[in-house]
Amino acid sequence: MSPMAAIRAATSAGARLLGVEDTLGTLRAGYAADLVLCAGDPLRDIGLLSAPEQIVLVAQQGVVRKLTLPERSGSCQT
């Protein structure tokens, strides 16, 4: 299974299987916002998603549960 197929199996396909694809499984307006960000590209290394030290943000239903984003040097201009 490719990394993208594994991520889909755990998200949109899992929600579809459980019959909750109308509120879970994808990032869309109005859906429950469960989100995991890792320090790297999980499509290149799916193992990043299983390494707690590589997980930098976890949001569950829109509430941030973990936030360990690295500090950035310099200024951010918008």
PDB file of N, CA and C in Angstrom:
ATOM      1  N   MET A   1       0.851  -1.169   0.000  1.00  0.00           N
ATOM      2  CA  MET A   1       0.000   0.000   0.000  1.00  0.00           C
ATOM      3  C   MET A   1       0.902   1.240   0.000  1.00  0.00           C
ATOM      4  N   SER A   2       0.584   2.187  -0.833  1.00  0.00           N
ATOM      5  CA  SER A   2       1.360   3.425  -0.887  1.00  0.00           C
ATOM      6  C   SER A   2       1.051   4.280   0.345  1.00  0.00           C
ATOM      7  N   PRO A   3       1.934   5.220   0.680  1.00  0.00           N
ATOM      8  CA  PRO A   3       1.632   6.107   1.807  1.00  0.00           C
ATOM      9  C   PRO A   3       0.302   6.851   1.638  1.00  0.00           C
ATOM     10  N   MET A   4       0.003   7.350   0.436  1.00  0.00           N
ATOM     11  CA  MET A   4      -1.263   8.055   0.224  1.00  0.00           C
ATOM     12  C   MET A   4      -2.453   7.110   0.415  1.00  0.00           C
ATOM     13  N   ALA A   5      -2.332   5.889  -0.051  1.00  0.00           N
ATOM     14  CA  ALA A   5      -3.416   4.918   0.132  1.00  0.00           C
ATOM     15  C   ALA A   5      -3.620   4.619   1.616  1.00  0.00           C
ATOM     16  N   ALA A   6      -2.538   4.546   2.379  1.00  0.00           N
ATOM     17  CA  ALA A   6      -2.652   4.299   3.820  1.00  0.00           C
ATOM     18  C   ALA A   6      -3.335   5.467   4.523  1.00  0.00           C
ATOM     19  N   ILE A   7      -2.982   6.685   4.145  1.00  0.00           N
ATOM     20  CA  ILE A   7      -3.603   7.864   4.745  1.00  0.00           C
ATOM     21  C   ILE A   7      -5.084   7.919   4.394  1.00  0.00           C
ATOM     22  N   ARG A   8      -5.403   7.638   3.147  1.00  0.00           N
ATOM     23  CA  ARG A   8      -6.829   7.609   2.753  1.00  0.00           C
ATOM     24  C   ARG A   8      -7.591   6.513   3.478  1.00  0.00           C
ATOM     25  N   ALA A   9      -6.967   5.354   3.661  1.00  0.00           N
ATOM     26  CA  ALA A   9      -7.631   4.254   4.369  1.00  0.00           C
ATOM     27  C   ALA A   9      -7.959   4.650   5.801  1.00  0.00           C
ATOM     28  N   ALA A  10      -7.084   5.457   6.409  1.00  0.00           N
ATOM     29  CA  ALA A  10      -7.289   5.874   7.796  1.00  0.00           C
ATOM     30  C   ALA A  10      -8.209   7.077   7.930  1.00  0.00           C
ATOM     31  N   THR A  11      -8.505   7.754   6.835  1.00  0.00           N
ATOM     32  CA  THR A  11      -9.308   8.980   6.910  1.00  0.00           C
ATOM     33  C   THR A  11     -10.602   8.829   6.114  1.00  0.00           C
ATOM     34  N   SER A  12     -10.591   9.208   4.863  1.00  0.00           N
ATOM     35  CA  SER A  12     -11.835   9.233   4.085  1.00  0.00           C
ATOM     36  C   SER A  12     -12.437   7.845   3.882  1.00  0.00           C
ATOM     37  N   ALA A  13     -11.618   6.831   3.622  1.00  0.00           N
ATOM     38  CA  ALA A  13     -12.165   5.477   3.438  1.00  0.00           C
ATOM     39  C   ALA A  13     -12.707   4.934   4.755  1.00  0.00           C
ATOM     40  N   GLY A  14     -12.013   5.224   5.863  1.00  0.00           N
ATOM     41  CA  GLY A  14     -12.499   4.786   7.166  1.00  0.00           C
ATOM     42  C   GLY A  14     -13.824   5.431   7.526  1.00  0.00           C
ATOM     43  N   ALA A  15     -13.938   6.724   7.252  1.00  0.00           N
ATOM     44  CA  ALA A  15     -15.197   7.428   7.524  1.00  0.00           C
ATOM     45  C   ALA A  15     -16.330   6.871   6.673  1.00  0.00           C
ATOM     46  N   ARG A  16     -16.029   6.575   5.416  1.00  0.00           N
ATOM     47  CA  ARG A  16     -17.041   6.001   4.526  1.00  0.00           C
ATOM     48  C   ARG A  16     -17.482   4.626   5.034  1.00  0.00           C
ATOM     49  N   LEU A  17     -16.523   3.799   5.442  1.00  0.00           N
ATOM     50  CA  LEU A  17     -16.829   2.473   5.958  1.00  0.00           C
ATOM     51  C   LEU A  17     -17.720   2.536   7.189  1.00  0.00           C
ATOM     52  N   LEU A  18     -17.487   3.544   8.041  1.00  0.00           N
ATOM     53  CA  LEU A  18     -18.276   3.695   9.260  1.00  0.00           C
ATOM     54  C   LEU A  18     -19.578   4.466   9.048  1.00  0.00           C
ATOM     55  N   GLY A  19     -19.795   4.955   7.834  1.00  0.00           N
ATOM     56  CA  GLY A  19     -21.026   5.671   7.525  1.00  0.00           C
ATOM     57  C   GLY A  19     -21.072   7.085   8.062  1.00  0.00           C
ATOM     58  N   VAL A  20     -19.909   7.693   8.297  1.00  0.00           N
ATOM     59  CA  VAL A  20     -19.877   9.050   8.833  1.00  0.00           C
ATOM     60  C   VAL A  20     -19.146  10.016   7.890  1.00  0.00           C
ATOM     61  N   GLU A  21     -19.096   9.668   6.622  1.00  0.00           N
ATOM     62  CA  GLU A  21     -18.367  10.489   5.658  1.00  0.00           C
ATOM     63  C   GLU A  21     -19.000  11.854   5.429  1.00  0.00           C
ATOM     64  N   ASP A  22     -20.210  12.077   5.951  1.00  0.00           N
ATOM     65  CA  ASP A  22     -20.847  13.387   5.807  1.00  0.00           C
ATOM     66  C   ASP A  22     -20.368  14.379   6.866  1.00  0.00           C
ATOM     67  N   THR A  23     -19.564  13.918   7.846  1.00  0.00           N
ATOM     68  CA  THR A  23     -19.034  14.823   8.868  1.00  0.00           C
ATOM     69  C   THR A  23     -17.556  14.577   9.196  1.00  0.00           C
ATOM     70  N   LEU A  24     -17.000  13.483   8.736  1.00  0.00           N
ATOM     71  CA  LEU A  24     -15.620  13.117   9.060  1.00  0.00           C
ATOM     72  C   LEU A  24     -14.884  12.614   7.826  1.00  0.00           C
ATOM     73  N   GLY A  25     -13.572  12.597   7.923  1.00  0.00           N
ATOM     74  CA  GLY A  25     -12.761  11.929   6.913  1.00  0.00           C
ATOM     75  C   GLY A  25     -12.046  12.818   5.926  1.00  0.00           C
ATOM     76  N   THR A  26     -12.496  14.044   5.765  1.00  0.00           N
ATOM     77  CA  THR A  26     -11.831  15.000   4.879  1.00  0.00           C
ATOM     78  C   THR A  26     -11.857  16.379   5.529  1.00  0.00           C
ATOM     79  N   LEU A  27     -10.968  17.242   5.076  1.00  0.00           N
ATOM     80  CA  LEU A  27     -10.960  18.620   5.580  1.00  0.00           C
ATOM     81  C   LEU A  27     -11.896  19.457   4.719  1.00  0.00           C
ATOM     82  N   ARG A  28     -13.035  19.779   5.281  1.00  0.00           N
ATOM     83  CA  ARG A  28     -14.048  20.590   4.599  1.00  0.00           C
ATOM     84  C   ARG A  28     -14.757  21.466   5.618  1.00  0.00           C
ATOM     85  N   ALA A  29     -15.267  22.577   5.152  1.00  0.00           N
ATOM     86  CA  ALA A  29     -16.055  23.453   6.016  1.00  0.00           C
ATOM     87  C   ALA A  29     -17.246  22.678   6.558  1.00  0.00           C
ATOM     88  N   GLY A  30     -17.469  22.790   7.857  1.00  0.00           N
ATOM     89  CA  GLY A  30     -18.601  22.128   8.490  1.00  0.00           C
ATOM     90  C   GLY A  30     -18.306  20.730   8.994  1.00  0.00           C
ATOM     91  N   TYR A  31     -17.156  20.164   8.644  1.00  0.00           N
ATOM     92  CA  TYR A  31     -16.789  18.832   9.112  1.00  0.00           C
ATOM     93  C   TYR A  31     -16.039  18.949  10.432  1.00  0.00           C
ATOM     94  N   ALA A  32     -16.023  17.885  11.224  1.00  0.00           N
ATOM     95  CA  ALA A  32     -15.241  17.870  12.457  1.00  0.00           C
ATOM     96  C   ALA A  32     -13.766  17.977  12.078  1.00  0.00           C
ATOM     97  N   ALA A  33     -13.073  18.937  12.640  1.00  0.00           N
ATOM     98  CA  ALA A  33     -11.694  19.220  12.244  1.00  0.00           C
ATOM     99  C   ALA A  33     -10.709  18.429  13.092  1.00  0.00           C
ATOM    100  N   ASP A  34     -10.458  17.201  12.703  1.00  0.00           N
ATOM    101  CA  ASP A  34      -9.403  16.406  13.311  1.00  0.00           C
ATOM    102  C   ASP A  34      -8.213  16.473  12.369  1.00  0.00           C
ATOM    103  N   LEU A  35      -7.061  16.837  12.902  1.00  0.00           N
ATOM    104  CA  LEU A  35      -5.906  17.111  12.060  1.00  0.00           C
ATOM    105  C   LEU A  35      -4.627  16.726  12.788  1.00  0.00           C
ATOM    106  N   VAL A  36      -3.706  16.101  12.051  1.00  0.00           N
ATOM    107  CA  VAL A  36      -2.382  15.769  12.570  1.00  0.00           C
ATOM    108  C   VAL A  36      -1.360  16.322  11.593  1.00  0.00           C
ATOM    109  N   LEU A  37      -0.402  17.099  12.104  1.00  0.00           N
ATOM    110  CA  LEU A  37       0.700  17.593  11.290  1.00  0.00           C
ATOM    111  C   LEU A  37       1.995  16.992  11.801  1.00  0.00           C
ATOM    112  N   CYS A  38       2.838  16.569  10.862  1.00  0.00           N
ATOM    113  CA  CYS A  38       4.132  16.025  11.269  1.00  0.00           C
ATOM    114  C   CYS A  38       5.257  16.857  10.667  1.00  0.00           C
ATOM    115  N   ALA A  39       6.444  16.689  11.248  1.00  0.00           N
ATOM    116  CA  ALA A  39       7.621  17.454  10.827  1.00  0.00           C
ATOM    117  C   ALA A  39       8.286  16.730   9.664  1.00  0.00           C
ATOM    118  N   GLY A  40       7.673  16.781   8.534  1.00  0.00           N
ATOM    119  CA  GLY A  40       8.212  16.109   7.355  1.00  0.00           C
ATOM    120  C   GLY A  40       7.088  15.724   6.416  1.00  0.00           C
ATOM    121  N   ASP A  41       7.442  15.034   5.370  1.00  0.00           N
ATOM    122  CA  ASP A  41       6.486  14.644   4.340  1.00  0.00           C
ATOM    123  C   ASP A  41       6.117  13.171   4.504  1.00  0.00           C
ATOM    124  N   PRO A  42       4.918  12.876   5.019  1.00  0.00           N
ATOM    125  CA  PRO A  42       4.534  11.480   5.222  1.00  0.00           C
ATOM    126  C   PRO A  42       4.365  10.711   3.909  1.00  0.00           C
ATOM    127  N   LEU A  43       4.273  11.409   2.803  1.00  0.00           N
ATOM    128  CA  LEU A  43       4.205  10.697   1.526  1.00  0.00           C
ATOM    129  C   LEU A  43       5.573  10.154   1.133  1.00  0.00           C
ATOM    130  N   ARG A  44       6.621  10.726   1.674  1.00  0.00           N
ATOM    131  CA  ARG A  44       7.984  10.217   1.444  1.00  0.00           C
ATOM    132  C   ARG A  44       8.393   9.226   2.528  1.00  0.00           C
ATOM    133  N   ASP A  45       7.887   9.432   3.760  1.00  0.00           N
ATOM    134  CA  ASP A  45       8.225   8.566   4.888  1.00  0.00           C
ATOM    135  C   ASP A  45       7.006   8.429   5.788  1.00  0.00           C
ATOM    136  N   ILE A  46       6.193   7.410   5.538  1.00  0.00           N
ATOM    137  CA  ILE A  46       4.956   7.209   6.291  1.00  0.00           C
ATOM    138  C   ILE A  46       5.238   6.969   7.772  1.00  0.00           C
ATOM    139  N   GLY A  47       6.449   6.537   8.106  1.00  0.00           N
ATOM    140  CA  GLY A  47       6.828   6.302   9.490  1.00  0.00           C
ATOM    141  C   GLY A  47       6.782   7.545  10.358  1.00  0.00           C
ATOM    142  N   LEU A  48       6.833   8.715   9.745  1.00  0.00           N
ATOM    143  CA  LEU A  48       6.732   9.966  10.505  1.00  0.00           C
ATOM    144  C   LEU A  48       5.450  10.025  11.317  1.00  0.00           C
ATOM    145  N   LEU A  49       4.388   9.451  10.784  1.00  0.00           N
ATOM    146  CA  LEU A  49       3.094   9.510  11.469  1.00  0.00           C
ATOM    147  C   LEU A  49       3.019   8.590  12.678  1.00  0.00           C
ATOM    148  N   SER A  50       3.975   7.677  12.811  1.00  0.00           N
ATOM    149  CA  SER A  50       3.974   6.774  13.971  1.00  0.00           C
ATOM    150  C   SER A  50       5.047   7.151  14.990  1.00  0.00           C
ATOM    151  N   ALA A  51       5.743   8.253  14.767  1.00  0.00           N
ATOM    152  CA  ALA A  51       6.796   8.700  15.678  1.00  0.00           C
ATOM    153  C   ALA A  51       6.309   9.920  16.454  1.00  0.00           C
ATOM    154  N   PRO A  52       5.964   9.756  17.734  1.00  0.00           N
ATOM    155  CA  PRO A  52       5.412  10.876  18.505  1.00  0.00           C
ATOM    156  C   PRO A  52       6.265  12.142  18.468  1.00  0.00           C
ATOM    157  N   GLU A  53       7.575  12.004  18.421  1.00  0.00           N
ATOM    158  CA  GLU A  53       8.441  13.180  18.397  1.00  0.00           C
ATOM    159  C   GLU A  53       8.360  13.932  17.074  1.00  0.00           C
ATOM    160  N   GLN A  54       7.819  13.310  16.040  1.00  0.00           N
ATOM    161  CA  GLN A  54       7.660  13.951  14.740  1.00  0.00           C
ATOM    162  C   GLN A  54       6.297  14.622  14.564  1.00  0.00           C
ATOM    163  N   ILE A  55       5.371  14.348  15.477  1.00  0.00           N
ATOM    164  CA  ILE A  55       4.039  14.950  15.416  1.00  0.00           C
ATOM    165  C   ILE A  55       4.111  16.316  16.085  1.00  0.00           C
ATOM    166  N   VAL A  56       3.857  17.374  15.319  1.00  0.00           N
ATOM    167  CA  VAL A  56       4.023  18.733  15.840  1.00  0.00           C
ATOM    168  C   VAL A  56       2.694  19.422  16.158  1.00  0.00           C
ATOM    169  N   LEU A  57       1.589  18.894  15.650  1.00  0.00           N
ATOM    170  CA  LEU A  57       0.288  19.486  15.955  1.00  0.00           C
ATOM    171  C   LEU A  57      -0.774  18.406  15.869  1.00  0.00           C
ATOM    172  N   VAL A  58      -1.639  18.383  16.866  1.00  0.00           N
ATOM    173  CA  VAL A  58      -2.817  17.517  16.848  1.00  0.00           C
ATOM    174  C   VAL A  58      -4.008  18.392  17.213  1.00  0.00           C
ATOM    175  N   ALA A  59      -5.017  18.407  16.357  1.00  0.00           N
ATOM    176  CA  ALA A  59      -6.270  19.114  16.642  1.00  0.00           C
ATOM    177  C   ALA A  59      -7.398  18.100  16.566  1.00  0.00           C
ATOM    178  N   GLN A  60      -8.248  18.118  17.572  1.00  0.00           N
ATOM    179  CA  GLN A  60      -9.378  17.191  17.644  1.00  0.00           C
ATOM    180  C   GLN A  60     -10.653  18.019  17.730  1.00  0.00           C
ATOM    181  N   GLN A  61     -11.507  17.867  16.732  1.00  0.00           N
ATOM    182  CA  GLN A  61     -12.741  18.646  16.616  1.00  0.00           C
ATOM    183  C   GLN A  61     -12.464  20.132  16.786  1.00  0.00           C
ATOM    184  N   GLY A  62     -11.378  20.585  16.183  1.00  0.00           N
ATOM    185  CA  GLY A  62     -11.036  21.995  16.183  1.00  0.00           C
ATOM    186  C   GLY A  62     -10.288  22.491  17.409  1.00  0.00           C
ATOM    187  N   VAL A  63     -10.069  21.616  18.402  1.00  0.00           N
ATOM    188  CA  VAL A  63      -9.348  21.988  19.623  1.00  0.00           C
ATOM    189  C   VAL A  63      -7.924  21.464  19.523  1.00  0.00           C
ATOM    190  N   VAL A  64      -6.941  22.350  19.688  1.00  0.00           N
ATOM    191  CA  VAL A  64      -5.543  21.938  19.623  1.00  0.00           C
ATOM    192  C   VAL A  64      -5.200  21.159  20.884  1.00  0.00           C
ATOM    193  N   ARG A  65      -4.744  19.918  20.701  1.00  0.00           N
ATOM    194  CA  ARG A  65      -4.378  19.040  21.815  1.00  0.00           C
ATOM    195  C   ARG A  65      -2.868  18.972  22.006  1.00  0.00           C
ATOM    196  N   LYS A  66      -2.117  19.163  20.929  1.00  0.00           N
ATOM    197  CA  LYS A  66      -0.655  19.159  21.002  1.00  0.00           C
ATOM    198  C   LYS A  66      -0.146  20.198  20.025  1.00  0.00           C
ATOM    199  N   LEU A  67       0.824  20.992  20.450  1.00  0.00           N
ATOM    200  CA  LEU A  67       1.419  21.996  19.581  1.00  0.00           C
ATOM    201  C   LEU A  67       2.887  22.135  19.949  1.00  0.00           C
ATOM    202  N   THR A  68       3.748  21.629  19.107  1.00  0.00           N
ATOM    203  CA  THR A  68       5.191  21.714  19.339  1.00  0.00           C
ATOM    204  C   THR A  68       5.886  22.157  18.057  1.00  0.00           C
ATOM    205  N   LEU A  69       5.291  23.126  17.379  1.00  0.00           N
ATOM    206  CA  LEU A  69       5.904  23.632  16.148  1.00  0.00           C
ATOM    207  C   LEU A  69       7.236  24.276  16.485  1.00  0.00           C
ATOM    208  N   PRO A  70       8.257  24.036  15.662  1.00  0.00           N
ATOM    209  CA  PRO A  70       9.555  24.666  15.923  1.00  0.00           C
ATOM    210  C   PRO A  70       9.493  26.170  15.722  1.00  0.00           C
ATOM    211  N   GLU A  71      10.303  26.880  16.481  1.00  0.00           N
ATOM    212  CA  GLU A  71      10.404  28.328  16.344  1.00  0.00           C
ATOM    213  C   GLU A  71      11.044  28.652  15.006  1.00  0.00           C
ATOM    214  N   ARG A  72      10.577  29.700  14.360  1.00  0.00           N
ATOM    215  CA  ARG A  72      11.158  30.140  13.093  1.00  0.00           C
ATOM    216  C   ARG A  72      11.922  31.423  13.337  1.00  0.00           C
ATOM    217  N   SER A  73      13.079  31.533  12.717  1.00  0.00           N
ATOM    218  CA  SER A  73      13.842  32.771  12.834  1.00  0.00           C
ATOM    219  C   SER A  73      13.419  33.721  11.727  1.00  0.00           C
ATOM    220  N   GLY A  74      13.594  34.991  11.958  1.00  0.00           N
ATOM    221  CA  GLY A  74      13.204  35.988  10.972  1.00  0.00           C
ATOM    222  C   GLY A  74      11.761  36.401  11.154  1.00  0.00           C
ATOM    223  N   SER A  75      11.321  37.271  10.287  1.00  0.00           N
ATOM    224  CA  SER A  75       9.949  37.771  10.394  1.00  0.00           C
ATOM    225  C   SER A  75       9.096  37.178   9.287  1.00  0.00           C
ATOM    226  N   CYS A  76       7.833  37.150   9.558  1.00  0.00           N
ATOM    227  CA  CYS A  76       6.854  36.654   8.588  1.00  0.00           C
ATOM    228  C   CYS A  76       6.071  37.840   8.076  1.00  0.00           C
ATOM    229  N   GLN A  77       6.090  38.044   6.780  1.00  0.00           N
ATOM    230  CA  GLN A  77       5.344  39.160   6.205  1.00  0.00           C
ATOM    231  C   GLN A  77       4.132  38.632   5.465  1.00  0.00           C
ATOM    232  N   THR A  78       3.019  39.285   5.629  1.00  0.00           N
ATOM    233  CA  THR A  78       1.802  38.877   4.931  1.00  0.00           C
ATOM    234  C   THR A  78       1.395  39.904   3.917  1.00  0.00           C
TER     235      THR A  78
END
